[in-house]
Amino acid sequence: MAGRPRSFDKDAVLRMAMRAFWERGFDGVSVAQLCAEAEIAAPSLYAAFGDKVALFDKACGLYTEQLDASLESDLSAPTAREAVERLLRTSAEHFSAPGQPPGCLVMSEPRLAERRGKTREMIRERLRRAAAEGELASVTEADGVAAFVDTVLAGMAALARDGAGRARLLDAARYASAAWPA
């Protein structure tokens, strides 16, 4: 005998949960709140997604799918300088996009330190390649620029969460790009 069919859109609930975690963080969202917002009973939520941690992981996976595609596209620019400029501009636009929470789920959620590390490593590897190709003076310089870019991204995400608009974030991206090594 098959179970009772779901009476809700699993993808819509996952998007709703992603937004809730993005806005309020893992610790700021309870299963009861998620169920109320999704208008489903807790057993249905658990049956569809597992526990809160599993739902969080799935919601973050949905979020990082888009993030990874954008990051890979930005970092594939012909030069490292252009890659960093694209990354900062794209991030400013993402952190301030209309109709979504400000900032970045990955940058603001303490549970996602490993994911932040993956992003840092992708940036560092692109800049190390630039050093190997002679665009930057050394691996040491590449690592320093990568740390700077990471710091700017974290700052831009925090500014967005604090209410900074797109123009201010794009200014920050532009000025950070102007700090590129000579």
N, C-alpha and C. Protein backbone atom coordinates (compact mmCIF):
# COMPACT_ATOMS: atom_id res chain seq x y z
N MET A 1 0.84 -1.18 0.00
CA MET A 1 0.00 0.00 0.00
C MET A 1 0.89 1.24 0.00
N ALA A 2 0.68 2.12 -0.92
CA ALA A 2 1.46 3.35 -1.02
C ALA A 2 0.99 4.34 0.02
N GLY A 3 1.90 5.20 0.46
CA GLY A 3 1.54 6.24 1.43
C GLY A 3 0.63 7.27 0.80
N ARG A 4 0.07 8.07 1.63
CA ARG A 4 -0.80 9.14 1.17
C ARG A 4 0.01 10.13 0.32
N PRO A 5 -0.50 10.56 -0.82
CA PRO A 5 0.26 11.50 -1.64
C PRO A 5 0.46 12.84 -0.92
N ARG A 6 1.59 13.46 -1.22
CA ARG A 6 1.88 14.77 -0.62
C ARG A 6 0.86 15.79 -1.12
N SER A 7 0.44 16.66 -0.23
CA SER A 7 -0.52 17.69 -0.62
C SER A 7 0.16 19.06 -0.67
N PHE A 8 1.47 19.06 -0.86
CA PHE A 8 2.19 20.33 -0.95
C PHE A 8 3.30 20.21 -1.97
N ASP A 9 3.77 21.34 -2.43
CA ASP A 9 4.84 21.42 -3.42
C ASP A 9 6.17 21.39 -2.67
N LYS A 10 6.87 20.29 -2.77
CA LYS A 10 8.13 20.10 -2.05
C LYS A 10 9.16 21.17 -2.45
N ASP A 11 9.23 21.49 -3.73
CA ASP A 11 10.19 22.51 -4.18
C ASP A 11 9.85 23.89 -3.61
N ALA A 12 8.56 24.20 -3.54
CA ALA A 12 8.15 25.49 -2.97
C ALA A 12 8.50 25.55 -1.48
N VAL A 13 8.31 24.46 -0.77
CA VAL A 13 8.65 24.42 0.66
C VAL A 13 10.16 24.56 0.83
N LEU A 14 10.92 23.92 -0.04
CA LEU A 14 12.38 24.02 0.04
C LEU A 14 12.83 25.46 -0.20
N ARG A 15 12.25 26.13 -1.19
CA ARG A 15 12.58 27.55 -1.45
C ARG A 15 12.19 28.43 -0.26
N MET A 16 11.03 28.15 0.33
CA MET A 16 10.58 28.90 1.50
C MET A 16 11.55 28.70 2.67
N ALA A 17 11.98 27.46 2.88
CA ALA A 17 12.92 27.17 3.96
C ALA A 17 14.26 27.85 3.70
N MET A 18 14.72 27.84 2.45
CA MET A 18 15.97 28.51 2.11
C MET A 18 15.88 29.99 2.48
N ARG A 19 14.79 30.61 2.12
CA ARG A 19 14.61 32.03 2.43
C ARG A 19 14.57 32.27 3.95
N ALA A 20 13.88 31.40 4.66
CA ALA A 20 13.79 31.54 6.13
C ALA A 20 15.18 31.43 6.76
N PHE A 21 15.95 30.44 6.34
CA PHE A 21 17.30 30.28 6.88
C PHE A 21 18.18 31.46 6.48
N TRP A 22 18.01 31.97 5.28
CA TRP A 22 18.78 33.11 4.79
C TRP A 22 18.47 34.36 5.62
N GLU A 23 17.19 34.57 5.88
CA GLU A 23 16.78 35.76 6.63
C GLU A 23 17.12 35.69 8.11
N ARG A 24 16.92 34.50 8.71
CA ARG A 24 17.00 34.40 10.18
C ARG A 24 18.08 33.47 10.70
N GLY A 25 18.76 32.75 9.81
CA GLY A 25 19.79 31.82 10.24
C GLY A 25 19.21 30.52 10.77
N PHE A 26 20.05 29.51 10.83
CA PHE A 26 19.62 28.19 11.29
C PHE A 26 19.00 28.27 12.69
N ASP A 27 19.69 28.94 13.60
CA ASP A 27 19.21 29.00 14.99
C ASP A 27 17.98 29.89 15.16
N GLY A 28 17.71 30.75 14.19
CA GLY A 28 16.57 31.65 14.28
C GLY A 28 15.30 31.10 13.67
N VAL A 29 15.35 29.86 13.21
CA VAL A 29 14.20 29.24 12.56
C VAL A 29 13.90 27.92 13.25
N SER A 30 12.67 27.76 13.68
CA SER A 30 12.27 26.50 14.30
C SER A 30 11.46 25.66 13.31
N VAL A 31 11.37 24.39 13.59
CA VAL A 31 10.54 23.50 12.76
C VAL A 31 9.09 23.98 12.80
N ALA A 32 8.63 24.41 13.96
CA ALA A 32 7.25 24.89 14.08
C ALA A 32 7.03 26.11 13.17
N GLN A 33 8.00 27.02 13.13
CA GLN A 33 7.87 28.18 12.24
C GLN A 33 7.84 27.76 10.78
N LEU A 34 8.74 26.83 10.42
CA LEU A 34 8.78 26.36 9.03
C LEU A 34 7.45 25.71 8.64
N CYS A 35 6.92 24.90 9.53
CA CYS A 35 5.63 24.25 9.25
C CYS A 35 4.51 25.28 9.11
N ALA A 36 4.50 26.27 9.99
CA ALA A 36 3.47 27.31 9.91
C ALA A 36 3.58 28.09 8.60
N GLU A 37 4.81 28.46 8.24
CA GLU A 37 5.01 29.23 7.01
C GLU A 37 4.66 28.41 5.77
N ALA A 38 4.95 27.11 5.81
CA ALA A 38 4.65 26.23 4.68
C ALA A 38 3.22 25.71 4.70
N GLU A 39 2.55 25.93 5.82
CA GLU A 39 1.19 25.44 6.02
C GLU A 39 1.11 23.93 5.86
N ILE A 40 2.07 23.25 6.52
CA ILE A 40 2.07 21.80 6.54
C ILE A 40 2.33 21.33 7.97
N ALA A 41 2.00 20.09 8.25
CA ALA A 41 2.23 19.51 9.56
C ALA A 41 3.67 19.02 9.67
N ALA A 42 4.19 19.00 10.89
CA ALA A 42 5.56 18.56 11.12
C ALA A 42 5.84 17.16 10.56
N PRO A 43 4.94 16.19 10.73
CA PRO A 43 5.23 14.87 10.15
C PRO A 43 5.42 14.92 8.62
N SER A 44 4.69 15.79 7.96
CA SER A 44 4.86 15.94 6.50
C SER A 44 6.22 16.53 6.17
N LEU A 45 6.64 17.52 6.94
CA LEU A 45 7.96 18.13 6.74
C LEU A 45 9.06 17.10 6.95
N TYR A 46 8.95 16.35 8.05
CA TYR A 46 9.95 15.33 8.35
C TYR A 46 9.96 14.23 7.28
N ALA A 47 8.79 13.83 6.81
CA ALA A 47 8.72 12.78 5.79
C ALA A 47 9.35 13.24 4.47
N ALA A 48 9.18 14.50 4.16
CA ALA A 48 9.70 15.02 2.90
C ALA A 48 11.19 15.34 2.95
N PHE A 49 11.67 15.83 4.10
CA PHE A 49 13.04 16.36 4.15
C PHE A 49 13.92 15.74 5.22
N GLY A 50 13.36 15.00 6.15
CA GLY A 50 14.14 14.54 7.29
C GLY A 50 14.06 15.58 8.39
N ASP A 51 15.08 15.65 9.21
CA ASP A 51 15.05 16.60 10.33
C ASP A 51 15.45 18.01 9.87
N LYS A 52 15.50 18.92 10.82
CA LYS A 52 15.81 20.32 10.50
C LYS A 52 17.19 20.45 9.85
N VAL A 53 18.15 19.70 10.34
CA VAL A 53 19.50 19.77 9.77
C VAL A 53 19.49 19.31 8.31
N ALA A 54 18.79 18.24 8.02
CA ALA A 54 18.70 17.74 6.64
C ALA A 54 18.00 18.77 5.74
N LEU A 55 16.95 19.40 6.24
CA LEU A 55 16.26 20.43 5.48
C LEU A 55 17.19 21.61 5.23
N PHE A 56 17.92 22.02 6.26
CA PHE A 56 18.89 23.10 6.12
C PHE A 56 19.92 22.76 5.05
N ASP A 57 20.44 21.55 5.10
CA ASP A 57 21.44 21.12 4.11
C ASP A 57 20.86 21.18 2.69
N LYS A 58 19.63 20.72 2.53
CA LYS A 58 19.00 20.75 1.20
C LYS A 58 18.75 22.19 0.75
N ALA A 59 18.31 23.03 1.68
CA ALA A 59 18.06 24.44 1.35
C ALA A 59 19.37 25.14 0.96
N CYS A 60 20.43 24.85 1.68
CA CYS A 60 21.74 25.44 1.35
C CYS A 60 22.25 24.90 0.02
N GLY A 61 21.97 23.65 -0.27
CA GLY A 61 22.35 23.08 -1.56
C GLY A 61 21.66 23.80 -2.70
N LEU A 62 20.39 24.11 -2.52
CA LEU A 62 19.64 24.87 -3.52
C LEU A 62 20.28 26.25 -3.71
N TYR A 63 20.61 26.90 -2.61
CA TYR A 63 21.22 28.22 -2.66
C TYR A 63 22.59 28.18 -3.35
N THR A 64 23.41 27.21 -2.98
CA THR A 64 24.78 27.18 -3.50
C THR A 64 24.87 26.69 -4.94
N GLU A 65 23.83 26.03 -5.45
CA GLU A 65 23.81 25.67 -6.88
C GLU A 65 24.00 26.91 -7.73
N GLN A 66 23.19 27.92 -7.47
CA GLN A 66 23.26 29.17 -8.22
C GLN A 66 24.57 29.89 -7.92
N LEU A 67 24.97 29.88 -6.67
CA LEU A 67 26.20 30.54 -6.26
C LEU A 67 27.40 29.94 -6.98
N ASP A 68 27.46 28.61 -7.04
CA ASP A 68 28.59 27.95 -7.70
C ASP A 68 28.63 28.26 -9.19
N ALA A 69 27.49 28.26 -9.85
CA ALA A 69 27.46 28.56 -11.28
C ALA A 69 27.96 29.98 -11.53
N SER A 70 27.54 30.90 -10.73
CA SER A 70 27.97 32.29 -10.87
C SER A 70 29.46 32.44 -10.58
N LEU A 71 29.92 31.80 -9.51
CA LEU A 71 31.33 31.88 -9.12
C LEU A 71 32.22 31.30 -10.21
N GLU A 72 31.86 30.14 -10.74
CA GLU A 72 32.64 29.52 -11.81
C GLU A 72 32.66 30.40 -13.05
N SER A 73 31.54 30.99 -13.38
CA SER A 73 31.48 31.89 -14.54
C SER A 73 32.38 33.10 -14.33
N ASP A 74 32.28 33.73 -13.17
CA ASP A 74 33.10 34.91 -12.89
C ASP A 74 34.59 34.57 -12.91
N LEU A 75 34.96 33.47 -12.30
CA LEU A 75 36.38 33.12 -12.20
C LEU A 75 36.95 32.60 -13.52
N SER A 76 36.10 32.33 -14.49
CA SER A 76 36.59 31.85 -15.79
C SER A 76 36.98 32.99 -16.73
N ALA A 77 36.90 34.22 -16.26
CA ALA A 77 37.29 35.37 -17.09
C ALA A 77 38.73 35.19 -17.57
N PRO A 78 39.06 35.79 -18.71
CA PRO A 78 40.39 35.59 -19.29
C PRO A 78 41.55 36.03 -18.40
N THR A 79 41.34 37.07 -17.60
CA THR A 79 42.40 37.51 -16.70
C THR A 79 41.89 37.45 -15.27
N ALA A 80 42.82 37.32 -14.33
CA ALA A 80 42.44 37.29 -12.92
C ALA A 80 41.83 38.62 -12.50
N ARG A 81 42.36 39.69 -13.01
CA ARG A 81 41.81 41.00 -12.68
C ARG A 81 40.34 41.09 -13.08
N GLU A 82 40.06 40.66 -14.31
CA GLU A 82 38.68 40.68 -14.79
C GLU A 82 37.82 39.71 -13.97
N ALA A 83 38.39 38.57 -13.59
CA ALA A 83 37.65 37.59 -12.78
C ALA A 83 37.24 38.21 -11.44
N VAL A 84 38.18 38.89 -10.80
CA VAL A 84 37.89 39.52 -9.51
C VAL A 84 36.87 40.65 -9.68
N GLU A 85 37.02 41.46 -10.72
CA GLU A 85 36.05 42.53 -10.97
C GLU A 85 34.65 41.96 -11.16
N ARG A 86 34.55 40.91 -11.97
CA ARG A 86 33.25 40.27 -12.20
C ARG A 86 32.67 39.72 -10.90
N LEU A 87 33.52 39.02 -10.14
CA LEU A 87 33.08 38.41 -8.89
C LEU A 87 32.54 39.47 -7.92
N LEU A 88 33.26 40.56 -7.78
CA LEU A 88 32.82 41.61 -6.86
C LEU A 88 31.53 42.28 -7.34
N ARG A 89 31.43 42.54 -8.63
CA ARG A 89 30.22 43.15 -9.19
C ARG A 89 29.02 42.21 -9.07
N THR A 90 29.22 40.96 -9.46
CA THR A 90 28.14 39.97 -9.37
C THR A 90 27.68 39.80 -7.92
N SER A 91 28.63 39.78 -7.01
CA SER A 91 28.29 39.63 -5.59
C SER A 91 27.50 40.83 -5.09
N ALA A 92 27.92 42.03 -5.47
CA ALA A 92 27.19 43.23 -5.07
C ALA A 92 25.74 43.16 -5.57
N GLU A 93 25.57 42.69 -6.80
CA GLU A 93 24.22 42.58 -7.36
C GLU A 93 23.41 41.51 -6.64
N HIS A 94 24.04 40.38 -6.36
CA HIS A 94 23.35 39.30 -5.65
C HIS A 94 22.97 39.71 -4.23
N PHE A 95 23.90 40.35 -3.52
CA PHE A 95 23.65 40.73 -2.14
C PHE A 95 22.53 41.76 -2.02
N SER A 96 22.22 42.44 -3.11
CA SER A 96 21.22 43.52 -3.07
C SER A 96 20.07 43.28 -4.06
N ALA A 97 19.89 42.06 -4.48
CA ALA A 97 18.85 41.76 -5.48
C ALA A 97 17.46 41.99 -4.91
N PRO A 98 16.61 42.66 -5.67
CA PRO A 98 15.22 42.88 -5.21
C PRO A 98 14.49 41.55 -5.04
N GLY A 99 13.63 41.50 -4.05
CA GLY A 99 12.80 40.33 -3.85
C GLY A 99 13.46 39.18 -3.11
N GLN A 100 14.66 39.39 -2.63
CA GLN A 100 15.31 38.35 -1.84
C GLN A 100 15.95 38.98 -0.61
N PRO A 101 16.27 38.18 0.38
CA PRO A 101 16.90 38.75 1.57
C PRO A 101 18.24 39.41 1.20
N PRO A 102 18.62 40.45 1.90
CA PRO A 102 19.91 41.09 1.62
C PRO A 102 21.07 40.24 2.12
N GLY A 103 22.21 40.42 1.50
CA GLY A 103 23.40 39.71 1.93
C GLY A 103 23.50 38.34 1.31
N CYS A 104 24.13 37.44 2.03
CA CYS A 104 24.45 36.11 1.50
C CYS A 104 24.24 35.08 2.59
N LEU A 105 23.47 34.06 2.28
CA LEU A 105 23.23 32.98 3.24
C LEU A 105 24.56 32.35 3.67
N VAL A 106 25.44 32.09 2.74
CA VAL A 106 26.71 31.42 3.06
C VAL A 106 27.58 32.30 3.95
N MET A 107 27.64 33.59 3.65
CA MET A 107 28.51 34.48 4.41
C MET A 107 27.98 34.75 5.82
N SER A 108 26.68 34.63 6.01
CA SER A 108 26.12 35.02 7.30
C SER A 108 25.85 33.84 8.25
N GLU A 109 25.86 32.63 7.75
CA GLU A 109 25.48 31.48 8.56
C GLU A 109 26.72 30.78 9.15
N PRO A 110 26.87 30.79 10.48
CA PRO A 110 28.04 30.16 11.10
C PRO A 110 28.23 28.69 10.72
N ARG A 111 27.15 27.98 10.49
CA ARG A 111 27.25 26.56 10.14
C ARG A 111 27.87 26.31 8.76
N LEU A 112 28.06 27.36 7.97
CA LEU A 112 28.54 27.19 6.60
C LEU A 112 30.01 27.57 6.43
N ALA A 113 30.79 27.45 7.49
CA ALA A 113 32.22 27.78 7.41
C ALA A 113 32.94 26.94 6.36
N GLU A 114 32.60 25.67 6.27
CA GLU A 114 33.24 24.81 5.26
C GLU A 114 32.93 25.29 3.86
N ARG A 115 31.71 25.71 3.65
CA ARG A 115 31.32 26.22 2.33
C ARG A 115 32.06 27.52 2.01
N ARG A 116 32.22 28.39 3.00
CA ARG A 116 33.00 29.62 2.79
C ARG A 116 34.43 29.26 2.42
N GLY A 117 34.96 28.23 3.05
CA GLY A 117 36.30 27.77 2.74
C GLY A 117 36.42 27.30 1.30
N LYS A 118 35.40 26.63 0.80
CA LYS A 118 35.40 26.18 -0.61
C LYS A 118 35.47 27.38 -1.54
N THR A 119 34.68 28.40 -1.26
CA THR A 119 34.70 29.61 -2.09
C THR A 119 36.07 30.27 -2.03
N ARG A 120 36.64 30.38 -0.83
CA ARG A 120 37.98 30.96 -0.69
C ARG A 120 39.00 30.20 -1.53
N GLU A 121 38.91 28.88 -1.47
CA GLU A 121 39.86 28.05 -2.21
C GLU A 121 39.70 28.23 -3.72
N MET A 122 38.49 28.36 -4.20
CA MET A 122 38.28 28.59 -5.64
C MET A 122 38.91 29.91 -6.07
N ILE A 123 38.74 30.93 -5.25
CA ILE A 123 39.33 32.24 -5.56
C ILE A 123 40.86 32.14 -5.49
N ARG A 124 41.36 31.51 -4.46
CA ARG A 124 42.81 31.38 -4.29
C ARG A 124 43.43 30.62 -5.47
N GLU A 125 42.79 29.53 -5.89
CA GLU A 125 43.32 28.75 -7.01
C GLU A 125 43.35 29.58 -8.30
N ARG A 126 42.30 30.37 -8.53
CA ARG A 126 42.29 31.22 -9.74
C ARG A 126 43.43 32.23 -9.68
N LEU A 127 43.68 32.79 -8.53
CA LEU A 127 44.74 33.79 -8.40
C LEU A 127 46.12 33.15 -8.43
N ARG A 128 46.24 31.95 -7.93
CA ARG A 128 47.52 31.24 -8.04
C ARG A 128 47.83 30.90 -9.50
N ARG A 129 46.80 30.56 -10.24
CA ARG A 129 46.99 30.35 -11.68
C ARG A 129 47.48 31.64 -12.34
N ALA A 130 46.93 32.77 -11.90
CA ALA A 130 47.38 34.06 -12.44
C ALA A 130 48.85 34.30 -12.12
N ALA A 131 49.28 33.89 -10.94
CA ALA A 131 50.70 34.02 -10.57
C ALA A 131 51.56 33.14 -11.47
N ALA A 132 51.11 31.92 -11.71
CA ALA A 132 51.87 31.00 -12.57
C ALA A 132 51.96 31.52 -14.00
N GLU A 133 50.94 32.27 -14.43
CA GLU A 133 50.91 32.83 -15.79
C GLU A 133 51.58 34.19 -15.87
N GLY A 134 52.07 34.71 -14.74
CA GLY A 134 52.78 35.98 -14.72
C GLY A 134 51.92 37.21 -14.52
N GLU A 135 50.63 37.02 -14.31
CA GLU A 135 49.74 38.17 -14.10
C GLU A 135 49.94 38.76 -12.70
N LEU A 136 50.29 37.94 -11.75
CA LEU A 136 50.65 38.39 -10.40
C LEU A 136 52.10 37.98 -10.15
N ALA A 137 52.76 38.70 -9.27
CA ALA A 137 54.20 38.51 -9.08
C ALA A 137 54.57 37.16 -8.46
N SER A 138 53.73 36.64 -7.57
CA SER A 138 54.10 35.41 -6.86
C SER A 138 52.86 34.75 -6.27
N VAL A 139 53.05 33.53 -5.81
CA VAL A 139 51.98 32.83 -5.11
C VAL A 139 51.63 33.57 -3.82
N THR A 140 52.63 34.14 -3.18
CA THR A 140 52.38 34.91 -1.96
C THR A 140 51.46 36.10 -2.26
N GLU A 141 51.74 36.79 -3.35
CA GLU A 141 50.87 37.90 -3.73
C GLU A 141 49.47 37.38 -4.07
N ALA A 142 49.38 36.28 -4.78
CA ALA A 142 48.08 35.70 -5.13
C ALA A 142 47.28 35.37 -3.87
N ASP A 143 47.94 34.78 -2.88
CA ASP A 143 47.25 34.45 -1.63
C ASP A 143 46.80 35.71 -0.90
N GLY A 144 47.62 36.76 -0.93
CA GLY A 144 47.25 38.02 -0.30
C GLY A 144 46.05 38.66 -0.98
N VAL A 145 46.05 38.65 -2.31
CA VAL A 145 44.91 39.21 -3.06
C VAL A 145 43.66 38.39 -2.77
N ALA A 146 43.81 37.07 -2.71
CA ALA A 146 42.65 36.21 -2.41
C ALA A 146 42.07 36.54 -1.04
N ALA A 147 42.93 36.75 -0.05
CA ALA A 147 42.47 37.11 1.29
C ALA A 147 41.76 38.46 1.27
N PHE A 148 42.30 39.39 0.50
CA PHE A 148 41.68 40.71 0.37
C PHE A 148 40.28 40.59 -0.26
N VAL A 149 40.18 39.83 -1.34
CA VAL A 149 38.89 39.65 -2.03
C VAL A 149 37.88 39.00 -1.08
N ASP A 150 38.31 38.00 -0.35
CA ASP A 150 37.43 37.33 0.60
C ASP A 150 36.93 38.31 1.66
N THR A 151 37.82 39.17 2.14
CA THR A 151 37.45 40.16 3.15
C THR A 151 36.46 41.17 2.59
N VAL A 152 36.68 41.60 1.35
CA VAL A 152 35.75 42.54 0.71
C VAL A 152 34.38 41.89 0.54
N LEU A 153 34.35 40.63 0.10
CA LEU A 153 33.06 39.94 -0.07
C LEU A 153 32.31 39.85 1.26
N ALA A 154 33.02 39.49 2.32
CA ALA A 154 32.38 39.39 3.64
C ALA A 154 31.85 40.75 4.07
N GLY A 155 32.63 41.79 3.84
CA GLY A 155 32.20 43.14 4.20
C GLY A 155 31.00 43.60 3.40
N MET A 156 31.00 43.30 2.11
CA MET A 156 29.86 43.68 1.27
C MET A 156 28.59 42.96 1.71
N ALA A 157 28.72 41.67 2.04
CA ALA A 157 27.55 40.90 2.51
C ALA A 157 27.02 41.49 3.81
N ALA A 158 27.93 41.87 4.72
CA ALA A 158 27.50 42.47 5.99
C ALA A 158 26.84 43.83 5.75
N LEU A 159 27.41 44.64 4.87
CA LEU A 159 26.80 45.93 4.55
C LEU A 159 25.38 45.75 4.02
N ALA A 160 25.21 44.78 3.12
CA ALA A 160 23.89 44.54 2.55
C ALA A 160 22.90 44.13 3.64
N ARG A 161 23.30 43.27 4.53
CA ARG A 161 22.42 42.84 5.63
C ARG A 161 22.06 44.01 6.53
N ASP A 162 22.97 44.98 6.62
CA ASP A 162 22.72 46.16 7.44
C ASP A 162 21.95 47.25 6.69
N GLY A 163 21.56 46.98 5.46
CA GLY A 163 20.72 47.92 4.73
C GLY A 163 21.37 48.70 3.61
N ALA A 164 22.65 48.48 3.34
CA ALA A 164 23.29 49.19 2.23
C ALA A 164 22.64 48.78 0.92
N GLY A 165 22.45 49.76 0.06
CA GLY A 165 21.83 49.50 -1.24
C GLY A 165 22.84 49.08 -2.29
N ARG A 166 22.31 48.75 -3.44
CA ARG A 166 23.14 48.28 -4.55
C ARG A 166 24.21 49.29 -4.94
N ALA A 167 23.88 50.57 -4.99
CA ALA A 167 24.87 51.58 -5.40
C ALA A 167 26.08 51.57 -4.46
N ARG A 168 25.82 51.48 -3.18
CA ARG A 168 26.94 51.46 -2.22
C ARG A 168 27.79 50.20 -2.38
N LEU A 169 27.15 49.07 -2.61
CA LEU A 169 27.89 47.83 -2.79
C LEU A 169 28.69 47.84 -4.10
N LEU A 170 28.11 48.39 -5.14
CA LEU A 170 28.85 48.49 -6.40
C LEU A 170 30.03 49.45 -6.27
N ASP A 171 29.86 50.52 -5.49
CA ASP A 171 30.99 51.42 -5.21
C ASP A 171 32.10 50.66 -4.49
N ALA A 172 31.74 49.87 -3.49
CA ALA A 172 32.74 49.09 -2.76
C ALA A 172 33.46 48.13 -3.70
N ALA A 173 32.71 47.49 -4.60
CA ALA A 173 33.31 46.58 -5.57
C ALA A 173 34.27 47.34 -6.50
N ARG A 174 33.86 48.50 -6.95
CA ARG A 174 34.69 49.29 -7.86
C ARG A 174 35.98 49.74 -7.17
N TYR A 175 35.88 50.24 -5.96
CA TYR A 175 37.08 50.69 -5.24
C TYR A 175 37.99 49.52 -4.88
N ALA A 176 37.42 48.39 -4.53
CA ALA A 176 38.24 47.22 -4.25
C ALA A 176 38.97 46.76 -5.50
N SER A 177 38.29 46.81 -6.64
CA SER A 177 38.94 46.43 -7.90
C SER A 177 40.09 47.38 -8.23
N ALA A 178 39.94 48.63 -7.86
CA ALA A 178 40.99 49.62 -8.14
C ALA A 178 42.24 49.36 -7.28
N ALA A 179 42.12 48.56 -6.25
CA ALA A 179 43.25 48.24 -5.38
C ALA A 179 44.11 47.11 -5.94
N TRP A 180 43.81 46.66 -7.14
CA TRP A 180 44.56 45.56 -7.78
C TRP A 180 46.04 45.88 -7.82
N PRO A 181 46.90 44.90 -7.55
CA PRO A 181 48.35 45.17 -7.57
C PRO A 181 48.82 45.69 -8.93
N ALA A 182 49.79 46.61 -8.88
CA ALA A 182 50.32 47.19 -10.12
C ALA A 182 51.09 46.16 -10.91
